Amino acid sequence: MQSNQRIRVFDKATAIVTGGASGIGRALGEELAKCGCEVILADLQIELVEKVASEIRASGGKAIAVEIDVTDFPAMERLIQETVGRTGRLDYIFNNAGIVIGGTADLYCIDDWNKVLDVNLRGVINGIQAAYKVMINQGFGHIVNTASMAGFMPGPGNVSYTTTKHAIIGLSTSLRCEAEPMGVRVSVICPGVVRTPILVGGGRYGKMLVDIPPEKIERMWERLKPMPPNLFAKKVLRSVVKNKAIIIVPNWWRIFWWIYRLSLSFGMRLSKRRFQKMQKELGLEIRGKETG
């Protein structure tokens, strides 16, 4: 039975954030807490996420840390049920945990594919499956999934990550249409480049399949002016309040979204050229025929 309660924005709300130990997840947790939200930070890195939660509490916010593997559905379901049992509600779930395994597809083994799909896609599915019916029953809630600008465009050199982010955008926009009549909101975050650990080495649980000095990767990303994660989180939460379907931050990355919507063939040529340029800059072997 649906209640007559409404979602809280954000004061006295309850929010779960996966991947909450670092990067975007940590920044979202910190900003939500500043807005008066009780935050449950969920991550495999329990010592680090406990430190983040402790710092939030020390600054006057409400936060707890939970060790979680997002690929474990029963664990995600327990987390949701325990949270609702303790707080009486679940206003938000940010399905944010993700990894990168960098390298061309010929370097992958099937375990690499499985790992990226399990964390990046199945982790989001598990969060939705655990939270969605709870939100329907209470009559409100907001599911916020982290995709990427990689979900709108080709990603040569990073095909597994790109695959999952395309899927998350499709999942989120489709579910939004289903969920709206039942009082549940769904948004998808599509970051451009944000200064997080995932930029170099793929994050704590990711990896690179090619040997590239970290300083070279850092120089490449710096040209795209990575946004500080806390500024990113503030901008994202403003769009969450407005219940936007697709949240692109930094805003100038919308240019690329429009390019691929207006002309896929032109966008693919840009992607090929960008990939070839990246290979040269990073000192990687360029196999096959170069194309203009």
C-alpha atoms as a PDB file:
ATOM      1  CA  MET A   1       0.000   0.000   0.000  1.00  0.00           C
ATOM      2  CA  GLN A   2       1.338   3.411  -0.937  1.00  0.00           C
ATOM      3  CA  SER A   3       1.742   6.024   1.779  1.00  0.00           C
ATOM      4  CA  ASN A   4       1.019   9.728   1.542  1.00  0.00           C
ATOM      5  CA  GLN A   5       4.631  10.563   2.352  1.00  0.00           C
ATOM      6  CA  ARG A   6       6.736  12.455  -0.158  1.00  0.00           C
ATOM      7  CA  ILE A   7      10.383  12.424  -1.094  1.00  0.00           C
ATOM      8  CA  ARG A   8      12.548  14.749   0.986  1.00  0.00           C
ATOM      9  CA  VAL A   9      14.901  17.169  -0.753  1.00  0.00           C
ATOM     10  CA  PHE A  10      17.360  16.655   0.912  1.00  0.00           C
ATOM     11  CA  ASP A  11      16.871  17.567   4.559  1.00  0.00           C
ATOM     12  CA  LYS A  12      16.017  14.544   6.740  1.00  0.00           C
ATOM     13  CA  ALA A  13      16.123  12.282   3.690  1.00  0.00           C
ATOM     14  CA  THR A  14      17.836   8.890   3.565  1.00  0.00           C
ATOM     15  CA  ALA A  15      20.271   8.102   0.752  1.00  0.00           C
ATOM     16  CA  ILE A  16      22.426   5.107  -0.132  1.00  0.00           C
ATOM     17  CA  VAL A  17      25.534   5.791  -2.236  1.00  0.00           C
ATOM     18  CA  THR A  18      27.513   2.867  -3.645  1.00  0.00           C
ATOM     19  CA  GLY A  19      31.175   3.409  -4.409  1.00  0.00           C
ATOM     20  CA  GLY A  20      31.103   5.903  -1.551  1.00  0.00           C
ATOM     21  CA  ALA A  21      34.732   5.581  -0.461  1.00  0.00           C
ATOM     22  CA  SER A  22      36.258   7.820  -3.118  1.00  0.00           C
ATOM     23  CA  GLY A  23      35.735   9.915  -6.215  1.00  0.00           C
ATOM     24  CA  ILE A  24      32.204  10.765  -7.299  1.00  0.00           C
ATOM     25  CA  GLY A  25      30.591   8.544  -4.663  1.00  0.00           C
ATOM     26  CA  ARG A  26      32.465  10.191  -1.829  1.00  0.00           C
ATOM     27  CA  ALA A  27      31.690  13.676  -3.149  1.00  0.00           C
ATOM     28  CA  LEU A  28      27.986  12.884  -3.513  1.00  0.00           C
ATOM     29  CA  GLY A  29      27.910  11.549   0.050  1.00  0.00           C
ATOM     30  CA  GLU A  30      29.623  14.625   1.438  1.00  0.00           C
ATOM     31  CA  GLU A  31      27.342  17.040  -0.392  1.00  0.00           C
ATOM     32  CA  LEU A  32      24.184  15.106   0.520  1.00  0.00           C
ATOM     33  CA  ALA A  33      25.202  15.191   4.184  1.00  0.00           C
ATOM     34  CA  LYS A  34      25.783  18.951   3.994  1.00  0.00           C
ATOM     35  CA  CYS A  35      22.199  19.252   2.767  1.00  0.00           C
ATOM     36  CA  GLY A  36      20.900  17.418   5.855  1.00  0.00           C
ATOM     37  CA  CYS A  37      20.585  13.956   4.347  1.00  0.00           C
ATOM     38  CA  GLU A  38      21.464  10.799   6.284  1.00  0.00           C
ATOM     39  CA  VAL A  39      23.935   9.022   4.030  1.00  0.00           C
ATOM     40  CA  ILE A  40      24.758   5.330   3.895  1.00  0.00           C
ATOM     41  CA  LEU A  41      28.125   5.033   2.154  1.00  0.00           C
ATOM     42  CA  ALA A  42      28.566   1.545   0.701  1.00  0.00           C
ATOM     43  CA  ASP A  43      31.886   0.299  -0.635  1.00  0.00           C
ATOM     44  CA  LEU A  44      34.242  -2.691  -0.633  1.00  0.00           C
ATOM     45  CA  GLN A  45      37.012  -0.471   0.763  1.00  0.00           C
ATOM     46  CA  ILE A  46      35.643  -0.572   4.297  1.00  0.00           C
ATOM     47  CA  GLU A  47      38.521   1.197   6.050  1.00  0.00           C
ATOM     48  CA  LEU A  48      38.466   4.067   3.586  1.00  0.00           C
ATOM     49  CA  VAL A  49      34.687   4.408   3.568  1.00  0.00           C
ATOM     50  CA  GLU A  50      34.611   4.360   7.388  1.00  0.00           C
ATOM     51  CA  LYS A  51      37.100   7.219   7.357  1.00  0.00           C
ATOM     52  CA  VAL A  52      34.879   9.211   4.974  1.00  0.00           C
ATOM     53  CA  ALA A  53      31.798   8.585   7.129  1.00  0.00           C
ATOM     54  CA  SER A  54      33.726   9.579  10.260  1.00  0.00           C
ATOM     55  CA  GLU A  55      34.809  12.856   8.653  1.00  0.00           C
ATOM     56  CA  ILE A  56      31.211  13.621   7.657  1.00  0.00           C
ATOM     57  CA  ARG A  57      30.034  13.007  11.215  1.00  0.00           C
ATOM     58  CA  ALA A  58      32.856  15.130  12.610  1.00  0.00           C
ATOM     59  CA  SER A  59      31.642  18.036  10.469  1.00  0.00           C
ATOM     60  CA  GLY A  60      28.100  17.683  11.778  1.00  0.00           C
ATOM     61  CA  GLY A  61      26.562  15.412   9.155  1.00  0.00           C
ATOM     62  CA  LYS A  62      24.891  12.016   9.414  1.00  0.00           C
ATOM     63  CA  ALA A  63      26.707   9.117   7.758  1.00  0.00           C
ATOM     64  CA  ILE A  64      27.388   5.448   8.264  1.00  0.00           C
ATOM     65  CA  ALA A  65      29.734   3.158   6.363  1.00  0.00           C
ATOM     66  CA  VAL A  66      28.812  -0.292   5.088  1.00  0.00           C
ATOM     67  CA  GLU A  67      31.030  -2.877   3.454  1.00  0.00           C
ATOM     68  CA  ILE A  68      29.261  -4.053   0.308  1.00  0.00           C
ATOM     69  CA  ASP A  69      29.953  -5.909  -2.921  1.00  0.00           C
ATOM     70  CA  VAL A  70      27.462  -4.505  -5.425  1.00  0.00           C
ATOM     71  CA  THR A  71      27.687  -7.706  -7.475  1.00  0.00           C
ATOM     72  CA  ASP A  72      26.145  -9.610  -4.536  1.00  0.00           C
ATOM     73  CA  PHE A  73      22.372  -9.140  -4.836  1.00  0.00           C
ATOM     74  CA  PRO A  74      21.426 -10.669  -1.460  1.00  0.00           C
ATOM     75  CA  ALA A  75      23.878  -8.254   0.210  1.00  0.00           C
ATOM     76  CA  MET A  76      22.341  -5.284  -1.609  1.00  0.00           C
ATOM     77  CA  GLU A  77      18.855  -6.454  -0.675  1.00  0.00           C
ATOM     78  CA  ARG A  78      19.858  -6.747   2.997  1.00  0.00           C
ATOM     79  CA  LEU A  79      21.335  -3.253   2.884  1.00  0.00           C
ATOM     80  CA  ILE A  80      18.080  -1.803   1.548  1.00  0.00           C
ATOM     81  CA  GLN A  81      15.902  -3.674   4.017  1.00  0.00           C
ATOM     82  CA  GLU A  82      18.101  -2.797   6.999  1.00  0.00           C
ATOM     83  CA  THR A  83      18.179   0.863   5.964  1.00  0.00           C
ATOM     84  CA  VAL A  84      14.401   1.086   5.612  1.00  0.00           C
ATOM     85  CA  GLY A  85      13.913  -0.864   8.844  1.00  0.00           C
ATOM     86  CA  ARG A  86      16.116   1.599  10.714  1.00  0.00           C
ATOM     87  CA  THR A  87      15.093   4.911   9.098  1.00  0.00           C
ATOM     88  CA  GLY A  88      11.575   4.094   7.932  1.00  0.00           C
ATOM     89  CA  ARG A  89      12.237   5.244   4.370  1.00  0.00           C
ATOM     90  CA  LEU A  90      14.569   5.300   1.375  1.00  0.00           C
ATOM     91  CA  ASP A  91      14.494   8.577  -0.513  1.00  0.00           C
ATOM     92  CA  TYR A  92      17.492   8.028  -2.802  1.00  0.00           C
ATOM     93  CA  ILE A  93      19.793   5.328  -4.059  1.00  0.00           C
ATOM     94  CA  PHE A  94      22.838   6.411  -6.042  1.00  0.00           C
ATOM     95  CA  ASN A  95      24.068   3.369  -7.980  1.00  0.00           C
ATOM     96  CA  ASN A  96      27.530   4.749  -8.537  1.00  0.00           C
ATOM     97  CA  ALA A  97      30.150   2.000  -8.078  1.00  0.00           C
ATOM     98  CA  GLY A  98      32.218   1.337 -11.190  1.00  0.00           C
ATOM     99  CA  ILE A  99      35.584   0.242 -12.550  1.00  0.00           C
ATOM    100  CA  VAL A 100      37.613   0.523 -15.746  1.00  0.00           C
ATOM    101  CA  ILE A 101      39.754  -2.118 -17.424  1.00  0.00           C
ATOM    102  CA  GLY A 102      41.740  -0.143 -19.975  1.00  0.00           C
ATOM    103  CA  GLY A 103      43.110  -1.582 -23.208  1.00  0.00           C
ATOM    104  CA  THR A 104      41.966  -2.721 -26.629  1.00  0.00           C
ATOM    105  CA  ALA A 105      39.497  -5.602 -26.861  1.00  0.00           C
ATOM    106  CA  ASP A 106      42.063  -8.070 -28.230  1.00  0.00           C
ATOM    107  CA  LEU A 107      43.937  -7.830 -24.908  1.00  0.00           C
ATOM    108  CA  TYR A 108      40.902  -8.870 -22.856  1.00  0.00           C
ATOM    109  CA  CYS A 109      40.234 -12.265 -21.402  1.00  0.00           C
ATOM    110  CA  ILE A 110      36.664 -13.293 -20.649  1.00  0.00           C
ATOM    111  CA  ASP A 111      37.222 -12.666 -16.928  1.00  0.00           C
ATOM    112  CA  ASP A 112      37.969  -9.011 -17.722  1.00  0.00           C
ATOM    113  CA  TRP A 113      34.640  -8.697 -19.514  1.00  0.00           C
ATOM    114  CA  ASN A 114      32.812 -10.436 -16.690  1.00  0.00           C
ATOM    115  CA  LYS A 115      34.365  -8.212 -14.037  1.00  0.00           C
ATOM    116  CA  VAL A 116      33.412  -4.964 -15.780  1.00  0.00           C
ATOM    117  CA  LEU A 117      29.901  -6.178 -16.607  1.00  0.00           C
ATOM    118  CA  ASP A 118      29.359  -7.464 -13.065  1.00  0.00           C
ATOM    119  CA  VAL A 119      30.433  -4.269 -11.299  1.00  0.00           C
ATOM    120  CA  ASN A 120      29.335  -1.567 -13.730  1.00  0.00           C
ATOM    121  CA  LEU A 121      26.076  -3.035 -15.016  1.00  0.00           C
ATOM    122  CA  ARG A 122      24.959  -5.824 -12.715  1.00  0.00           C
ATOM    123  CA  GLY A 123      25.857  -3.669  -9.714  1.00  0.00           C
ATOM    124  CA  VAL A 124      23.400  -1.035 -10.967  1.00  0.00           C
ATOM    125  CA  ILE A 125      20.767  -3.689 -11.709  1.00  0.00           C
ATOM    126  CA  ASN A 126      21.163  -5.140  -8.210  1.00  0.00           C
ATOM    127  CA  GLY A 127      20.683  -1.728  -6.634  1.00  0.00           C
ATOM    128  CA  ILE A 128      17.564  -1.109  -8.697  1.00  0.00           C
ATOM    129  CA  GLN A 129      16.123  -4.546  -8.067  1.00  0.00           C
ATOM    130  CA  ALA A 130      16.621  -4.164  -4.315  1.00  0.00           C
ATOM    131  CA  ALA A 131      15.261  -0.613  -4.054  1.00  0.00           C
ATOM    132  CA  TYR A 132      12.593  -0.232  -6.734  1.00  0.00           C
ATOM    133  CA  LYS A 133       9.754  -2.227  -5.154  1.00  0.00           C
ATOM    134  CA  VAL A 134      10.470  -0.638  -1.779  1.00  0.00           C
ATOM    135  CA  MET A 135      10.098   2.792  -3.368  1.00  0.00           C
ATOM    136  CA  ILE A 136       6.897   1.767  -5.150  1.00  0.00           C
ATOM    137  CA  ASN A 137       5.398   0.517  -1.875  1.00  0.00           C
ATOM    138  CA  GLN A 138       6.272   3.702   0.012  1.00  0.00           C
ATOM    139  CA  GLY A 139       5.012   5.840  -2.862  1.00  0.00           C
ATOM    140  CA  PHE A 140       8.200   7.835  -3.508  1.00  0.00           C
ATOM    141  CA  GLY A 141      11.898   7.550  -4.185  1.00  0.00           C
ATOM    142  CA  HIS A 142      14.614   8.545  -6.624  1.00  0.00           C
ATOM    143  CA  ILE A 143      16.983   6.096  -8.331  1.00  0.00           C
ATOM    144  CA  VAL A 144      20.105   7.832  -9.646  1.00  0.00           C
ATOM    145  CA  ASN A 145      22.463   5.740 -11.784  1.00  0.00           C
ATOM    146  CA  THR A 146      25.976   6.786 -12.773  1.00  0.00           C
ATOM    147  CA  ALA A 147      26.728   6.244 -16.459  1.00  0.00           C
ATOM    148  CA  SER A 148      29.218   8.398 -18.383  1.00  0.00           C
ATOM    149  CA  MET A 149      29.566  10.485 -21.512  1.00  0.00           C
ATOM    150  CA  ALA A 150      31.071   7.223 -22.788  1.00  0.00           C
ATOM    151  CA  GLY A 151      27.480   5.993 -22.864  1.00  0.00           C
ATOM    152  CA  PHE A 152      26.682   8.319 -25.762  1.00  0.00           C
ATOM    153  CA  MET A 153      29.675   7.785 -28.025  1.00  0.00           C
ATOM    154  CA  PRO A 154      32.098   5.106 -29.241  1.00  0.00           C
ATOM    155  CA  GLY A 155      34.927   4.288 -26.854  1.00  0.00           C
ATOM    156  CA  PRO A 156      37.781   2.605 -28.727  1.00  0.00           C
ATOM    157  CA  GLY A 157      40.413   1.428 -26.274  1.00  0.00           C
ATOM    158  CA  ASN A 158      37.763   1.112 -23.579  1.00  0.00           C
ATOM    159  CA  VAL A 159      35.013  -1.001 -25.101  1.00  0.00           C
ATOM    160  CA  SER A 160      33.893  -2.889 -21.992  1.00  0.00           C
ATOM    161  CA  TYR A 161      33.396   0.296 -19.954  1.00  0.00           C
ATOM    162  CA  THR A 162      31.630   1.948 -22.892  1.00  0.00           C
ATOM    163  CA  THR A 163      29.355  -1.077 -23.288  1.00  0.00           C
ATOM    164  CA  THR A 164      28.174  -0.862 -19.693  1.00  0.00           C
ATOM    165  CA  LYS A 165      27.614   2.884 -19.806  1.00  0.00           C
ATOM    166  CA  HIS A 166      25.504   2.655 -22.964  1.00  0.00           C
ATOM    167  CA  ALA A 167      23.464  -0.019 -21.192  1.00  0.00           C
ATOM    168  CA  ILE A 168      22.977   2.090 -18.054  1.00  0.00           C
ATOM    169  CA  ILE A 169      21.614   5.003 -20.072  1.00  0.00           C
ATOM    170  CA  GLY A 170      19.149   2.711 -21.852  1.00  0.00           C
ATOM    171  CA  LEU A 171      18.165   1.056 -18.590  1.00  0.00           C
ATOM    172  CA  SER A 172      17.651   4.370 -16.798  1.00  0.00           C
ATOM    173  CA  THR A 173      15.612   6.139 -19.470  1.00  0.00           C
ATOM    174  CA  SER A 174      13.419   3.072 -20.004  1.00  0.00           C
ATOM    175  CA  LEU A 175      12.816   2.573 -16.287  1.00  0.00           C
ATOM    176  CA  ARG A 176      12.019   6.270 -15.866  1.00  0.00           C
ATOM    177  CA  CYS A 177       9.050   5.868 -18.228  1.00  0.00           C
ATOM    178  CA  GLU A 178       7.776   2.865 -16.269  1.00  0.00           C
ATOM    179  CA  ALA A 179       8.415   4.306 -12.816  1.00  0.00           C
ATOM    180  CA  GLU A 180       6.927   7.793 -13.126  1.00  0.00           C
ATOM    181  CA  PRO A 181       3.259   6.753 -12.748  1.00  0.00           C
ATOM    182  CA  MET A 182       4.166   4.992  -9.492  1.00  0.00           C
ATOM    183  CA  GLY A 183       5.825   8.017  -7.924  1.00  0.00           C
ATOM    184  CA  VAL A 184       9.409   6.821  -8.426  1.00  0.00           C
ATOM    185  CA  ARG A 185      11.932   9.052 -10.173  1.00  0.00           C
ATOM    186  CA  VAL A 186      14.874   7.786 -12.228  1.00  0.00           C
ATOM    187  CA  SER A 187      17.843   9.844 -13.417  1.00  0.00           C
ATOM    188  CA  VAL A 188      21.146   8.975 -15.038  1.00  0.00           C
ATOM    189  CA  ILE A 189      24.360  10.917 -14.405  1.00  0.00           C
ATOM    190  CA  CYS A 190      26.692  11.243 -17.389  1.00  0.00           C
ATOM    191  CA  PRO A 191      29.988  12.731 -16.186  1.00  0.00           C
ATOM    192  CA  GLY A 192      32.469  14.249 -18.575  1.00  0.00           C
ATOM    193  CA  VAL A 193      35.954  14.161 -17.032  1.00  0.00           C
ATOM    194  CA  VAL A 194      36.006  14.382 -13.231  1.00  0.00           C
ATOM    195  CA  ARG A 195      39.163  14.258 -11.132  1.00  0.00           C
ATOM    196  CA  THR A 196      38.782  10.797  -9.566  1.00  0.00           C
ATOM    197  CA  PRO A 197      40.998   7.714  -9.088  1.00  0.00           C
ATOM    198  CA  ILE A 198      39.300   5.965 -12.013  1.00  0.00           C
ATOM    199  CA  LEU A 199      41.143   8.232 -14.476  1.00  0.00           C
ATOM    200  CA  VAL A 200      44.497   6.590 -13.729  1.00  0.00           C
ATOM    201  CA  GLY A 201      44.588   2.810 -13.458  1.00  0.00           C
ATOM    202  CA  GLY A 202      40.836   2.251 -13.578  1.00  0.00           C
ATOM    203  CA  GLY A 203      40.185   2.772  -9.873  1.00  0.00           C
ATOM    204  CA  ARG A 204      40.946   0.563  -6.886  1.00  0.00           C
ATOM    205  CA  TYR A 205      39.533  -2.592  -8.497  1.00  0.00           C
ATOM    206  CA  GLY A 206      40.201  -1.822 -12.154  1.00  0.00           C
ATOM    207  CA  LYS A 207      43.405  -2.241 -14.128  1.00  0.00           C
ATOM    208  CA  MET A 208      45.259  -1.335 -17.293  1.00  0.00           C
ATOM    209  CA  LEU A 209      46.066  -4.050 -19.814  1.00  0.00           C
ATOM    210  CA  VAL A 210      48.796  -1.904 -21.373  1.00  0.00           C
ATOM    211  CA  ASP A 211      51.885  -0.600 -19.632  1.00  0.00           C
ATOM    212  CA  ILE A 212      51.561   3.180 -19.628  1.00  0.00           C
ATOM    213  CA  PRO A 213      53.309   5.426 -17.083  1.00  0.00           C
ATOM    214  CA  PRO A 214      50.636   7.083 -14.890  1.00  0.00           C
ATOM    215  CA  GLU A 215      52.117  10.531 -15.517  1.00  0.00           C
ATOM    216  CA  LYS A 216      51.403  10.155 -19.271  1.00  0.00           C
ATOM    217  CA  ILE A 217      47.774   9.275 -18.588  1.00  0.00           C
ATOM    218  CA  GLU A 218      47.463  12.198 -16.183  1.00  0.00           C
ATOM    219  CA  ARG A 219      48.835  14.654 -18.760  1.00  0.00           C
ATOM    220  CA  MET A 220      46.351  13.397 -21.332  1.00  0.00           C
ATOM    221  CA  TRP A 221      43.357  13.869 -18.996  1.00  0.00           C
ATOM    222  CA  GLU A 222      44.565  17.256 -17.715  1.00  0.00           C
ATOM    223  CA  ARG A 223      44.037  18.773 -21.157  1.00  0.00           C
ATOM    224  CA  LEU A 224      40.321  18.082 -20.719  1.00  0.00           C
ATOM    225  CA  LYS A 225      40.288  20.101 -17.477  1.00  0.00           C
ATOM    226  CA  PRO A 226      38.889  17.531 -15.014  1.00  0.00           C
ATOM    227  CA  MET A 227      36.228  18.969 -12.721  1.00  0.00           C
ATOM    228  CA  PRO A 228      36.837  18.709  -8.946  1.00  0.00           C
ATOM    229  CA  PRO A 229      34.510  15.999  -7.588  1.00  0.00           C
ATOM    230  CA  ASN A 230      32.792  18.156  -4.954  1.00  0.00           C
ATOM    231  CA  LEU A 231      31.918  20.847  -7.496  1.00  0.00           C
ATOM    232  CA  PHE A 232      30.657  18.064  -9.756  1.00  0.00           C
ATOM    233  CA  ALA A 233      28.496  16.661  -6.943  1.00  0.00           C
ATOM    234  CA  LYS A 234      26.959  20.070  -6.182  1.00  0.00           C
ATOM    235  CA  LYS A 235      25.967  20.536  -9.809  1.00  0.00           C
ATOM    236  CA  VAL A 236      24.601  16.991 -10.049  1.00  0.00           C
ATOM    237  CA  LEU A 237      22.441  17.385  -6.936  1.00  0.00           C
ATOM    238  CA  ARG A 238      20.922  20.595  -8.319  1.00  0.00           C
ATOM    239  CA  SER A 239      19.767  18.560 -11.323  1.00  0.00           C
ATOM    240  CA  VAL A 240      18.561  15.706  -9.105  1.00  0.00           C
ATOM    241  CA  VAL A 241      16.355  18.205  -7.258  1.00  0.00           C
ATOM    242  CA  LYS A 242      14.881  19.214 -10.638  1.00  0.00           C
ATOM    243  CA  ASN A 243      14.301  15.520 -11.466  1.00  0.00           C
ATOM    244  CA  LYS A 244      16.205  15.740 -14.742  1.00  0.00           C
ATOM    245  CA  ALA A 245      16.254  12.524 -16.751  1.00  0.00           C
ATOM    246  CA  ILE A 246      19.816  12.885 -18.092  1.00  0.00           C
ATOM    247  CA  ILE A 247      22.363  14.838 -16.070  1.00  0.00           C
ATOM    248  CA  ILE A 248      25.468  15.894 -18.021  1.00  0.00           C
ATOM    249  CA  VAL A 249      28.213  17.574 -15.980  1.00  0.00           C
ATOM    250  CA  PRO A 250      30.326  19.555 -16.870  1.00  0.00           C
ATOM    251  CA  ASN A 251      27.711  21.197 -19.030  1.00  0.00           C
ATOM    252  CA  TRP A 252      30.015  21.812 -22.010  1.00  0.00           C
ATOM    253  CA  TRP A 253      30.162  18.057 -22.646  1.00  0.00           C
ATOM    254  CA  ARG A 254      26.661  18.393 -24.070  1.00  0.00           C
ATOM    255  CA  ILE A 255      28.396  19.414 -27.296  1.00  0.00           C
ATOM    256  CA  PHE A 256      29.550  15.823 -27.800  1.00  0.00           C
ATOM    257  CA  TRP A 257      26.105  14.475 -26.947  1.00  0.00           C
ATOM    258  CA  TRP A 258      24.606  16.611 -29.718  1.00  0.00           C
ATOM    259  CA  ILE A 259      27.322  15.676 -32.213  1.00  0.00           C
ATOM    260  CA  TYR A 260      26.550  11.966 -31.877  1.00  0.00           C
ATOM    261  CA  ARG A 261      22.798  12.559 -31.936  1.00  0.00           C
ATOM    262  CA  LEU A 262      22.961  14.672 -35.097  1.00  0.00           C
ATOM    263  CA  SER A 263      25.527  12.657 -37.075  1.00  0.00           C
ATOM    264  CA  LEU A 264      26.732   9.262 -35.917  1.00  0.00           C
ATOM    265  CA  SER A 265      29.082   8.875 -38.891  1.00  0.00           C
ATOM    266  CA  PHE A 266      30.766  12.218 -38.172  1.00  0.00           C
ATOM    267  CA  GLY A 267      30.990  11.328 -34.483  1.00  0.00           C
ATOM    268  CA  MET A 268      32.589   7.978 -35.258  1.00  0.00           C
ATOM    269  CA  ARG A 269      35.217   9.673 -37.431  1.00  0.00           C
ATOM    270  CA  LEU A 270      36.011  11.966 -34.500  1.00  0.00           C
ATOM    271  CA  SER A 271      36.312   8.961 -32.191  1.00  0.00           C
ATOM    272  CA  LYS A 272      38.703   7.158 -34.541  1.00  0.00           C
ATOM    273  CA  ARG A 273      40.914  10.214 -34.885  1.00  0.00           C
ATOM    274  CA  ARG A 274      40.900  10.795 -31.142  1.00  0.00           C
ATOM    275  CA  PHE A 275      41.853   7.166 -30.528  1.00  0.00           C
ATOM    276  CA  GLN A 276      44.740   7.291 -33.004  1.00  0.00           C
ATOM    277  CA  LYS A 277      45.987  10.529 -31.463  1.00  0.00           C
ATOM    278  CA  MET A 278      45.779   9.017 -27.981  1.00  0.00           C
ATOM    279  CA  GLN A 279      47.769   5.959 -29.088  1.00  0.00           C
ATOM    280  CA  LYS A 280      50.540   8.167 -30.429  1.00  0.00           C
ATOM    281  CA  GLU A 281      50.624  10.343 -27.324  1.00  0.00           C
ATOM    282  CA  LEU A 282      50.823   7.339 -25.010  1.00  0.00           C
ATOM    283  CA  GLY A 283      53.459   5.604 -27.125  1.00  0.00           C
ATOM    284  CA  LEU A 284      51.263   2.636 -28.015  1.00  0.00           C
ATOM    285  CA  GLU A 285      51.674   0.490 -31.087  1.00  0.00           C
ATOM    286  CA  ILE A 286      49.164   1.399 -33.791  1.00  0.00           C
ATOM    287  CA  ARG A 287      48.098  -1.773 -35.568  1.00  0.00           C
ATOM    288  CA  GLY A 288      46.227  -1.956 -38.849  1.00  0.00           C
ATOM    289  CA  LYS A 289      45.658   0.820 -41.332  1.00  0.00           C
ATOM    290  CA  GLU A 290      45.316   4.352 -39.999  1.00  0.00           C
ATOM    291  CA  THR A 291      42.208   6.096 -41.229  1.00  0.00           C
ATOM    292  CA  GLY A 292      41.483   9.787 -41.663  1.00  0.00           C
END
